[in-house]
Amino acid sequence: MRSKHRPMAYALGLAAALASVTYGGLPAAAAGSTATSATPAAATTGTGTAAGQPTWKAAGMVEEGQTICTRPTVGQRSLVLIRLVGSWPQLATDTNNLPAGSSVSTYPIYPGSNDSPTQISSAINVLLPALPLGTKRSAEVEVTDGVHTQTIPFHIVVTEDCTGFRL
């Protein structure tokens, strides 16, 4: 029984996190803190430090990349999660190397800051078509402020049984 409720709890938690970032800024715990890597000028402009380095870092849930698992006879809609650490201006997102027939819904990431390495900042909604059994492919999410671009890897696996696959 517990496994039936876990996806719903996960979905509700993600929806709450995205809603707080999209509609109300950061949660109170993150809003009260400031990024230690940003200089005042960089935090204002959001484009980086005087040396031209970004004041933000994009990452997925795990450094080796998230995995989307799907069965061969159906398409799969999945969220690819994005973590941001530091201070950032409005960011745009896109994807690279998705299979033909895929579609993506992206949303702007509004200016903000975060010191937590585990807080989810946004997500990309990926719809994969039915793919051949045994397909293994790497793709990536691209996050940009217009000056700096960072990528986050994720993997696509097509198997008969997705039991045990996690983000």
N, C-alpha and C. Protein backbone atom coordinates (compact mmCIF):
# COMPACT_ATOMS: atom_id res chain seq x y z
N MET A 1 0.81 -1.19 0.00
CA MET A 1 0.00 0.00 0.00
C MET A 1 0.86 1.26 0.00
N ARG A 2 1.92 1.26 0.75
CA ARG A 2 2.74 2.44 0.87
C ARG A 2 3.27 2.91 -0.48
N SER A 3 3.64 1.98 -1.35
CA SER A 3 4.20 2.36 -2.63
C SER A 3 3.17 3.05 -3.52
N LYS A 4 1.87 2.81 -3.33
CA LYS A 4 0.85 3.49 -4.11
C LYS A 4 0.73 4.95 -3.73
N HIS A 5 1.02 5.29 -2.50
CA HIS A 5 0.89 6.66 -2.03
C HIS A 5 2.16 7.48 -2.23
N ARG A 6 3.29 6.84 -2.37
CA ARG A 6 4.55 7.56 -2.52
C ARG A 6 4.56 8.47 -3.74
N PRO A 7 4.12 8.03 -4.94
CA PRO A 7 4.12 8.93 -6.09
C PRO A 7 3.22 10.15 -5.87
N MET A 8 2.08 9.97 -5.21
CA MET A 8 1.19 11.10 -4.96
C MET A 8 1.83 12.08 -4.00
N ALA A 9 2.46 11.58 -2.94
CA ALA A 9 3.14 12.47 -2.00
C ALA A 9 4.27 13.21 -2.69
N TYR A 10 5.00 12.52 -3.54
CA TYR A 10 6.09 13.15 -4.29
C TYR A 10 5.54 14.24 -5.21
N ALA A 11 4.45 13.92 -5.93
CA ALA A 11 3.86 14.89 -6.86
C ALA A 11 3.35 16.12 -6.12
N LEU A 12 2.70 15.92 -4.98
CA LEU A 12 2.20 17.05 -4.20
C LEU A 12 3.33 17.90 -3.65
N GLY A 13 4.38 17.25 -3.19
CA GLY A 13 5.54 18.00 -2.69
C GLY A 13 6.20 18.81 -3.78
N LEU A 14 6.36 18.21 -4.96
CA LEU A 14 6.96 18.93 -6.09
C LEU A 14 6.07 20.09 -6.51
N ALA A 15 4.76 19.86 -6.57
CA ALA A 15 3.83 20.92 -6.95
C ALA A 15 3.92 22.09 -5.97
N ALA A 16 4.01 21.78 -4.69
CA ALA A 16 4.13 22.84 -3.68
C ALA A 16 5.42 23.61 -3.84
N ALA A 17 6.52 22.90 -4.11
CA ALA A 17 7.81 23.57 -4.29
C ALA A 17 7.79 24.45 -5.52
N LEU A 18 7.25 23.94 -6.62
CA LEU A 18 7.19 24.74 -7.84
C LEU A 18 6.27 25.93 -7.67
N ALA A 19 5.15 25.74 -7.00
CA ALA A 19 4.22 26.84 -6.78
C ALA A 19 4.86 27.93 -5.93
N SER A 20 5.63 27.54 -4.93
CA SER A 20 6.25 28.55 -4.07
C SER A 20 7.29 29.34 -4.85
N VAL A 21 8.02 28.70 -5.73
CA VAL A 21 9.02 29.40 -6.53
C VAL A 21 8.33 30.26 -7.58
N THR A 22 7.29 29.72 -8.23
CA THR A 22 6.61 30.42 -9.31
C THR A 22 5.75 31.57 -8.81
N TYR A 23 4.99 31.34 -7.74
CA TYR A 23 4.01 32.33 -7.32
C TYR A 23 4.38 33.13 -6.09
N GLY A 24 5.22 32.63 -5.25
CA GLY A 24 5.46 33.36 -4.03
C GLY A 24 6.92 33.51 -3.68
N GLY A 25 7.80 33.22 -4.57
CA GLY A 25 9.21 33.29 -4.26
C GLY A 25 9.65 32.03 -3.56
N LEU A 26 10.71 32.11 -2.85
CA LEU A 26 11.28 30.96 -2.18
C LEU A 26 10.57 30.68 -0.87
N PRO A 27 10.58 29.43 -0.42
CA PRO A 27 10.04 29.14 0.91
C PRO A 27 10.74 29.99 1.97
N ALA A 28 10.08 30.22 3.09
CA ALA A 28 10.60 31.12 4.12
C ALA A 28 12.00 30.75 4.57
N ALA A 29 12.30 29.47 4.69
CA ALA A 29 13.63 29.06 5.15
C ALA A 29 14.70 29.50 4.18
N ALA A 30 14.43 29.41 2.89
CA ALA A 30 15.43 29.81 1.90
C ALA A 30 15.42 31.31 1.69
N ALA A 31 14.26 31.95 1.81
CA ALA A 31 14.18 33.38 1.57
C ALA A 31 14.94 34.17 2.62
N GLY A 32 15.06 33.63 3.83
CA GLY A 32 15.75 34.35 4.89
C GLY A 32 17.26 34.28 4.77
N SER A 33 17.77 33.43 3.91
CA SER A 33 19.21 33.30 3.77
C SER A 33 19.67 33.99 2.51
N THR A 34 20.95 34.31 2.46
CA THR A 34 21.52 34.92 1.26
C THR A 34 22.62 34.04 0.73
N ALA A 35 22.85 34.15 -0.56
CA ALA A 35 23.90 33.34 -1.18
C ALA A 35 25.25 33.90 -0.79
N THR A 36 26.14 33.05 -0.35
CA THR A 36 27.45 33.52 0.08
C THR A 36 28.39 33.74 -1.09
N SER A 37 28.09 33.16 -2.26
CA SER A 37 29.01 33.28 -3.38
C SER A 37 28.75 34.52 -4.22
N ALA A 38 27.64 35.23 -4.00
CA ALA A 38 27.31 36.36 -4.83
C ALA A 38 27.85 37.65 -4.23
N THR A 39 28.38 38.51 -5.08
CA THR A 39 28.76 39.84 -4.65
C THR A 39 27.54 40.73 -4.77
N PRO A 40 27.48 41.85 -4.08
CA PRO A 40 26.30 42.70 -4.18
C PRO A 40 26.00 43.12 -5.62
N ALA A 41 27.01 43.48 -6.39
CA ALA A 41 26.78 43.89 -7.77
C ALA A 41 26.25 42.73 -8.60
N ALA A 42 26.79 41.55 -8.39
CA ALA A 42 26.35 40.39 -9.16
C ALA A 42 24.93 40.01 -8.79
N ALA A 43 24.58 40.14 -7.51
CA ALA A 43 23.22 39.80 -7.10
C ALA A 43 22.22 40.75 -7.73
N THR A 44 22.62 42.01 -7.94
CA THR A 44 21.74 42.99 -8.55
C THR A 44 21.54 42.70 -10.03
N THR A 45 22.63 42.46 -10.74
CA THR A 45 22.52 42.22 -12.17
C THR A 45 22.18 40.78 -12.47
N GLY A 46 22.62 39.86 -11.64
CA GLY A 46 22.33 38.46 -11.81
C GLY A 46 23.12 37.78 -12.89
N THR A 47 24.04 38.47 -13.52
CA THR A 47 24.75 37.86 -14.64
C THR A 47 26.08 37.26 -14.26
N GLY A 48 26.60 37.57 -13.09
CA GLY A 48 27.86 36.97 -12.69
C GLY A 48 28.71 37.93 -11.91
N THR A 49 29.87 37.47 -11.53
CA THR A 49 30.79 38.28 -10.77
C THR A 49 31.63 39.12 -11.71
N ALA A 50 32.48 39.95 -11.15
CA ALA A 50 33.34 40.80 -11.97
C ALA A 50 34.22 39.96 -12.88
N ALA A 51 34.58 38.75 -12.47
CA ALA A 51 35.41 37.87 -13.29
C ALA A 51 34.60 37.19 -14.39
N GLY A 52 33.30 37.44 -14.43
CA GLY A 52 32.48 36.85 -15.48
C GLY A 52 31.93 35.48 -15.16
N GLN A 53 32.10 35.02 -13.94
CA GLN A 53 31.57 33.71 -13.56
C GLN A 53 30.12 33.86 -13.10
N PRO A 54 29.28 32.87 -13.37
CA PRO A 54 27.90 32.96 -12.90
C PRO A 54 27.84 32.87 -11.38
N THR A 55 26.81 33.45 -10.80
CA THR A 55 26.62 33.39 -9.35
C THR A 55 25.66 32.28 -8.97
N TRP A 56 25.36 31.41 -9.93
CA TRP A 56 24.43 30.31 -9.70
C TRP A 56 24.99 29.04 -10.32
N LYS A 57 24.53 27.90 -9.78
CA LYS A 57 24.92 26.61 -10.32
C LYS A 57 23.67 25.77 -10.48
N ALA A 58 23.52 25.18 -11.66
CA ALA A 58 22.38 24.31 -11.94
C ALA A 58 22.81 22.86 -11.82
N ALA A 59 21.93 22.03 -11.28
CA ALA A 59 22.21 20.60 -11.15
C ALA A 59 20.90 19.84 -11.17
N GLY A 60 20.99 18.54 -11.41
CA GLY A 60 19.82 17.66 -11.32
C GLY A 60 19.74 17.11 -9.92
N MET A 61 18.98 16.05 -9.75
CA MET A 61 18.83 15.44 -8.43
C MET A 61 20.10 14.73 -7.99
N VAL A 62 20.80 14.14 -8.94
CA VAL A 62 22.07 13.47 -8.65
C VAL A 62 23.06 13.88 -9.72
N GLU A 63 24.34 13.91 -9.38
CA GLU A 63 25.35 14.41 -10.31
C GLU A 63 25.45 13.58 -11.59
N GLU A 64 25.21 12.26 -11.51
CA GLU A 64 25.31 11.43 -12.72
C GLU A 64 24.07 11.53 -13.59
N GLY A 65 23.05 12.24 -13.15
CA GLY A 65 21.86 12.47 -13.96
C GLY A 65 20.67 11.65 -13.51
N GLN A 66 19.52 12.20 -13.70
CA GLN A 66 18.26 11.52 -13.40
C GLN A 66 17.97 10.50 -14.50
N THR A 67 17.08 9.57 -14.23
CA THR A 67 16.71 8.57 -15.23
C THR A 67 15.20 8.57 -15.42
N ILE A 68 14.77 8.65 -16.68
CA ILE A 68 13.38 8.46 -17.04
C ILE A 68 13.29 7.04 -17.57
N CYS A 69 12.46 6.23 -16.95
CA CYS A 69 12.25 4.86 -17.39
C CYS A 69 10.86 4.75 -18.00
N THR A 70 10.75 4.10 -19.14
CA THR A 70 9.47 3.90 -19.79
C THR A 70 9.41 2.51 -20.41
N ARG A 71 8.19 2.04 -20.64
CA ARG A 71 8.00 0.75 -21.31
C ARG A 71 7.92 1.00 -22.82
N PRO A 72 8.19 -0.03 -23.65
CA PRO A 72 8.27 0.19 -25.09
C PRO A 72 6.94 0.47 -25.79
N THR A 73 5.82 0.12 -25.21
CA THR A 73 4.55 0.25 -25.92
C THR A 73 3.81 1.54 -25.61
N VAL A 74 4.31 2.33 -24.69
CA VAL A 74 3.61 3.56 -24.31
C VAL A 74 4.59 4.73 -24.28
N GLY A 75 4.05 5.91 -24.44
CA GLY A 75 4.86 7.11 -24.23
C GLY A 75 4.95 7.38 -22.74
N GLN A 76 5.81 8.27 -22.35
CA GLN A 76 6.02 8.54 -20.93
C GLN A 76 6.10 10.04 -20.71
N ARG A 77 5.33 10.56 -19.78
CA ARG A 77 5.44 11.96 -19.36
C ARG A 77 6.19 11.97 -18.04
N SER A 78 7.26 12.73 -17.97
CA SER A 78 8.08 12.79 -16.76
C SER A 78 8.57 14.20 -16.51
N LEU A 79 8.86 14.48 -15.26
CA LEU A 79 9.48 15.74 -14.88
C LEU A 79 10.98 15.52 -14.70
N VAL A 80 11.77 16.40 -15.28
CA VAL A 80 13.20 16.42 -15.02
C VAL A 80 13.41 17.60 -14.07
N LEU A 81 13.88 17.31 -12.86
CA LEU A 81 13.98 18.31 -11.81
C LEU A 81 15.26 19.11 -11.92
N ILE A 82 15.18 20.38 -11.52
CA ILE A 82 16.32 21.29 -11.58
C ILE A 82 16.55 21.87 -10.20
N ARG A 83 17.80 21.76 -9.73
CA ARG A 83 18.21 22.41 -8.48
C ARG A 83 19.07 23.60 -8.86
N LEU A 84 18.90 24.72 -8.18
CA LEU A 84 19.75 25.89 -8.37
C LEU A 84 20.32 26.29 -7.03
N VAL A 85 21.59 26.62 -7.01
CA VAL A 85 22.24 27.10 -5.80
C VAL A 85 22.94 28.40 -6.16
N GLY A 86 22.83 29.39 -5.29
CA GLY A 86 23.44 30.69 -5.52
C GLY A 86 22.37 31.75 -5.68
N SER A 87 22.66 32.74 -6.50
CA SER A 87 21.75 33.83 -6.77
C SER A 87 21.64 33.96 -8.28
N TRP A 88 20.42 34.02 -8.82
CA TRP A 88 20.26 34.03 -10.27
C TRP A 88 19.23 35.05 -10.72
N PRO A 89 19.40 35.54 -11.96
CA PRO A 89 18.38 36.37 -12.59
C PRO A 89 17.32 35.45 -13.20
N GLN A 90 16.41 35.98 -13.99
CA GLN A 90 15.46 35.09 -14.67
C GLN A 90 16.23 34.18 -15.61
N LEU A 91 15.90 32.90 -15.56
CA LEU A 91 16.59 31.90 -16.38
C LEU A 91 15.61 31.27 -17.36
N ALA A 92 16.13 30.85 -18.50
CA ALA A 92 15.35 30.12 -19.49
C ALA A 92 15.86 28.69 -19.53
N THR A 93 14.99 27.75 -19.90
CA THR A 93 15.37 26.34 -19.97
C THR A 93 15.04 25.78 -21.35
N ASP A 94 15.76 24.75 -21.72
CA ASP A 94 15.53 24.03 -22.97
C ASP A 94 16.10 22.63 -22.80
N THR A 95 15.97 21.80 -23.82
CA THR A 95 16.51 20.44 -23.77
C THR A 95 17.32 20.17 -25.02
N ASN A 96 18.23 19.21 -24.93
CA ASN A 96 19.06 18.77 -26.05
C ASN A 96 19.02 17.26 -26.13
N ASN A 97 19.06 16.72 -27.34
CA ASN A 97 19.24 15.30 -27.62
C ASN A 97 18.06 14.41 -27.20
N LEU A 98 16.84 14.92 -27.28
CA LEU A 98 15.68 14.08 -27.02
C LEU A 98 15.34 13.25 -28.26
N PRO A 99 14.72 12.09 -28.09
CA PRO A 99 14.32 11.28 -29.25
C PRO A 99 13.31 12.03 -30.12
N ALA A 100 13.30 11.73 -31.42
CA ALA A 100 12.32 12.32 -32.34
C ALA A 100 10.93 12.00 -31.84
N GLY A 101 10.04 12.98 -31.94
CA GLY A 101 8.66 12.79 -31.49
C GLY A 101 8.43 13.20 -30.05
N SER A 102 9.47 13.60 -29.35
CA SER A 102 9.34 14.07 -27.97
C SER A 102 8.80 15.49 -27.96
N SER A 103 8.16 15.86 -26.89
CA SER A 103 7.77 17.25 -26.71
C SER A 103 8.13 17.68 -25.29
N VAL A 104 8.33 18.97 -25.13
CA VAL A 104 8.81 19.51 -23.86
C VAL A 104 8.01 20.75 -23.50
N SER A 105 7.66 20.87 -22.22
CA SER A 105 7.08 22.11 -21.70
C SER A 105 8.10 22.72 -20.76
N THR A 106 8.53 23.93 -21.07
CA THR A 106 9.49 24.62 -20.23
C THR A 106 8.83 25.87 -19.66
N TYR A 107 9.36 26.33 -18.55
CA TYR A 107 8.83 27.49 -17.88
C TYR A 107 9.99 28.35 -17.44
N PRO A 108 9.83 29.69 -17.42
CA PRO A 108 10.93 30.52 -16.93
C PRO A 108 11.16 30.27 -15.45
N ILE A 109 12.38 30.42 -15.04
CA ILE A 109 12.73 30.35 -13.62
C ILE A 109 12.95 31.79 -13.20
N TYR A 110 12.13 32.27 -12.30
CA TYR A 110 12.18 33.67 -11.91
C TYR A 110 13.38 33.95 -11.01
N PRO A 111 13.83 35.20 -10.94
CA PRO A 111 15.00 35.54 -10.12
C PRO A 111 14.84 35.06 -8.68
N GLY A 112 15.95 34.63 -8.11
CA GLY A 112 15.90 34.17 -6.73
C GLY A 112 17.28 33.81 -6.23
N SER A 113 17.31 33.23 -5.05
CA SER A 113 18.56 32.76 -4.47
C SER A 113 18.25 31.58 -3.57
N ASN A 114 19.27 30.78 -3.33
CA ASN A 114 19.10 29.56 -2.55
C ASN A 114 20.47 29.08 -2.10
N ASP A 115 20.58 28.67 -0.86
CA ASP A 115 21.82 28.09 -0.33
C ASP A 115 21.72 26.58 -0.13
N SER A 116 20.53 26.02 -0.27
CA SER A 116 20.32 24.59 -0.01
C SER A 116 20.70 23.76 -1.23
N PRO A 117 21.57 22.78 -1.08
CA PRO A 117 21.93 21.94 -2.22
C PRO A 117 20.87 20.89 -2.57
N THR A 118 19.76 20.85 -1.82
CA THR A 118 18.74 19.84 -2.08
C THR A 118 17.39 20.41 -2.49
N GLN A 119 17.22 21.72 -2.45
CA GLN A 119 15.92 22.32 -2.77
C GLN A 119 15.70 22.31 -4.28
N ILE A 120 14.52 21.86 -4.70
CA ILE A 120 14.15 21.85 -6.12
C ILE A 120 13.71 23.26 -6.50
N SER A 121 14.25 23.79 -7.59
CA SER A 121 13.91 25.14 -8.03
C SER A 121 12.92 25.16 -9.17
N SER A 122 12.94 24.14 -10.02
CA SER A 122 12.05 24.10 -11.17
C SER A 122 12.06 22.70 -11.77
N ALA A 123 11.35 22.54 -12.86
CA ALA A 123 11.31 21.26 -13.55
C ALA A 123 10.96 21.50 -15.02
N ILE A 124 11.30 20.53 -15.82
CA ILE A 124 10.94 20.51 -17.24
C ILE A 124 10.00 19.32 -17.41
N ASN A 125 8.91 19.50 -18.12
CA ASN A 125 7.96 18.43 -18.37
C ASN A 125 8.29 17.82 -19.73
N VAL A 126 8.71 16.55 -19.75
CA VAL A 126 9.13 15.86 -20.97
C VAL A 126 8.11 14.78 -21.31
N LEU A 127 7.62 14.79 -22.55
CA LEU A 127 6.74 13.73 -23.04
C LEU A 127 7.50 12.95 -24.10
N LEU A 128 7.79 11.68 -23.78
CA LEU A 128 8.52 10.81 -24.71
C LEU A 128 7.52 10.00 -25.52
N PRO A 129 7.81 9.72 -26.79
CA PRO A 129 6.96 8.82 -27.57
C PRO A 129 7.26 7.37 -27.19
N ALA A 130 6.48 6.43 -27.72
CA ALA A 130 6.82 5.02 -27.54
C ALA A 130 8.17 4.79 -28.23
N LEU A 131 9.10 4.13 -27.54
CA LEU A 131 10.45 3.90 -28.05
C LEU A 131 10.75 2.40 -28.05
N PRO A 132 11.69 1.95 -28.87
CA PRO A 132 12.02 0.52 -28.93
C PRO A 132 12.59 0.00 -27.61
N LEU A 133 12.24 -1.22 -27.27
CA LEU A 133 12.77 -1.89 -26.09
C LEU A 133 14.30 -1.88 -26.14
N GLY A 134 14.94 -1.61 -25.03
CA GLY A 134 16.39 -1.59 -24.96
C GLY A 134 17.02 -0.24 -25.25
N THR A 135 16.21 0.75 -25.63
CA THR A 135 16.75 2.09 -25.89
C THR A 135 17.40 2.63 -24.62
N LYS A 136 18.60 3.13 -24.76
CA LYS A 136 19.30 3.84 -23.68
C LYS A 136 19.88 5.09 -24.31
N ARG A 137 19.55 6.22 -23.74
CA ARG A 137 19.95 7.47 -24.36
C ARG A 137 20.20 8.51 -23.29
N SER A 138 21.16 9.38 -23.53
CA SER A 138 21.41 10.50 -22.64
C SER A 138 20.91 11.77 -23.31
N ALA A 139 20.32 12.63 -22.52
CA ALA A 139 19.85 13.93 -22.99
C ALA A 139 20.26 14.96 -21.94
N GLU A 140 19.90 16.20 -22.15
CA GLU A 140 20.26 17.20 -21.15
C GLU A 140 19.28 18.36 -21.14
N VAL A 141 19.17 18.96 -19.96
CA VAL A 141 18.44 20.20 -19.78
C VAL A 141 19.46 21.31 -19.86
N GLU A 142 19.12 22.36 -20.54
CA GLU A 142 19.99 23.53 -20.67
C GLU A 142 19.35 24.68 -19.90
N VAL A 143 20.12 25.32 -19.04
CA VAL A 143 19.64 26.45 -18.24
C VAL A 143 20.54 27.64 -18.58
N THR A 144 19.92 28.79 -18.92
CA THR A 144 20.72 29.95 -19.30
C THR A 144 20.14 31.25 -18.76
N ASP A 145 21.04 32.17 -18.46
CA ASP A 145 20.62 33.52 -18.08
C ASP A 145 20.84 34.49 -19.25
N GLY A 146 21.19 33.96 -20.41
CA GLY A 146 21.46 34.78 -21.58
C GLY A 146 22.95 35.05 -21.76
N VAL A 147 23.72 34.89 -20.70
CA VAL A 147 25.16 35.06 -20.74
C VAL A 147 25.86 33.74 -20.45
N HIS A 148 25.44 33.09 -19.40
CA HIS A 148 26.01 31.81 -18.98
C HIS A 148 24.99 30.69 -19.22
N THR A 149 25.48 29.57 -19.72
CA THR A 149 24.63 28.40 -19.97
C THR A 149 25.22 27.20 -19.25
N GLN A 150 24.38 26.47 -18.54
CA GLN A 150 24.80 25.25 -17.86
C GLN A 150 23.86 24.12 -18.28
N THR A 151 24.38 22.91 -18.29
CA THR A 151 23.57 21.76 -18.69
C THR A 151 23.49 20.75 -17.55
N ILE A 152 22.36 20.02 -17.54
CA ILE A 152 22.11 18.99 -16.54
C ILE A 152 21.79 17.70 -17.31
N PRO A 153 22.58 16.64 -17.12
CA PRO A 153 22.30 15.40 -17.85
C PRO A 153 21.11 14.66 -17.26
N PHE A 154 20.40 13.93 -18.12
CA PHE A 154 19.42 12.95 -17.67
C PHE A 154 19.41 11.81 -18.68
N HIS A 155 18.91 10.66 -18.25
CA HIS A 155 18.98 9.46 -19.06
C HIS A 155 17.59 8.92 -19.34
N ILE A 156 17.46 8.28 -20.50
CA ILE A 156 16.21 7.66 -20.91
C ILE A 156 16.49 6.17 -21.09
N VAL A 157 15.69 5.33 -20.44
CA VAL A 157 15.85 3.88 -20.51
C VAL A 157 14.50 3.28 -20.84
N VAL A 158 14.47 2.37 -21.83
CA VAL A 158 13.23 1.69 -22.20
C VAL A 158 13.38 0.21 -21.84
N THR A 159 12.51 -0.26 -20.93
CA THR A 159 12.58 -1.62 -20.44
C THR A 159 11.15 -2.12 -20.20
N GLU A 160 10.99 -3.41 -20.04
CA GLU A 160 9.66 -3.99 -19.76
C GLU A 160 9.17 -3.63 -18.36
N ASP A 161 10.10 -3.46 -17.42
CA ASP A 161 9.72 -3.23 -16.02
C ASP A 161 10.54 -2.10 -15.44
N CYS A 162 9.88 -1.03 -15.06
CA CYS A 162 10.58 0.14 -14.50
C CYS A 162 10.65 0.10 -12.98
N THR A 163 10.31 -1.03 -12.37
CA THR A 163 10.39 -1.16 -10.93
C THR A 163 11.83 -0.92 -10.49
N GLY A 164 11.97 -0.11 -9.49
CA GLY A 164 13.30 0.15 -8.95
C GLY A 164 13.99 1.37 -9.55
N PHE A 165 13.46 1.92 -10.65
CA PHE A 165 14.07 3.13 -11.20
C PHE A 165 13.59 4.32 -10.43
N ARG A 166 14.52 5.18 -10.09
CA ARG A 166 14.21 6.41 -9.37
C ARG A 166 14.88 7.55 -10.08
N LEU A 167 14.49 8.75 -9.70
CA LEU A 167 15.14 9.95 -10.26
C LEU A 167 16.61 9.93 -9.99
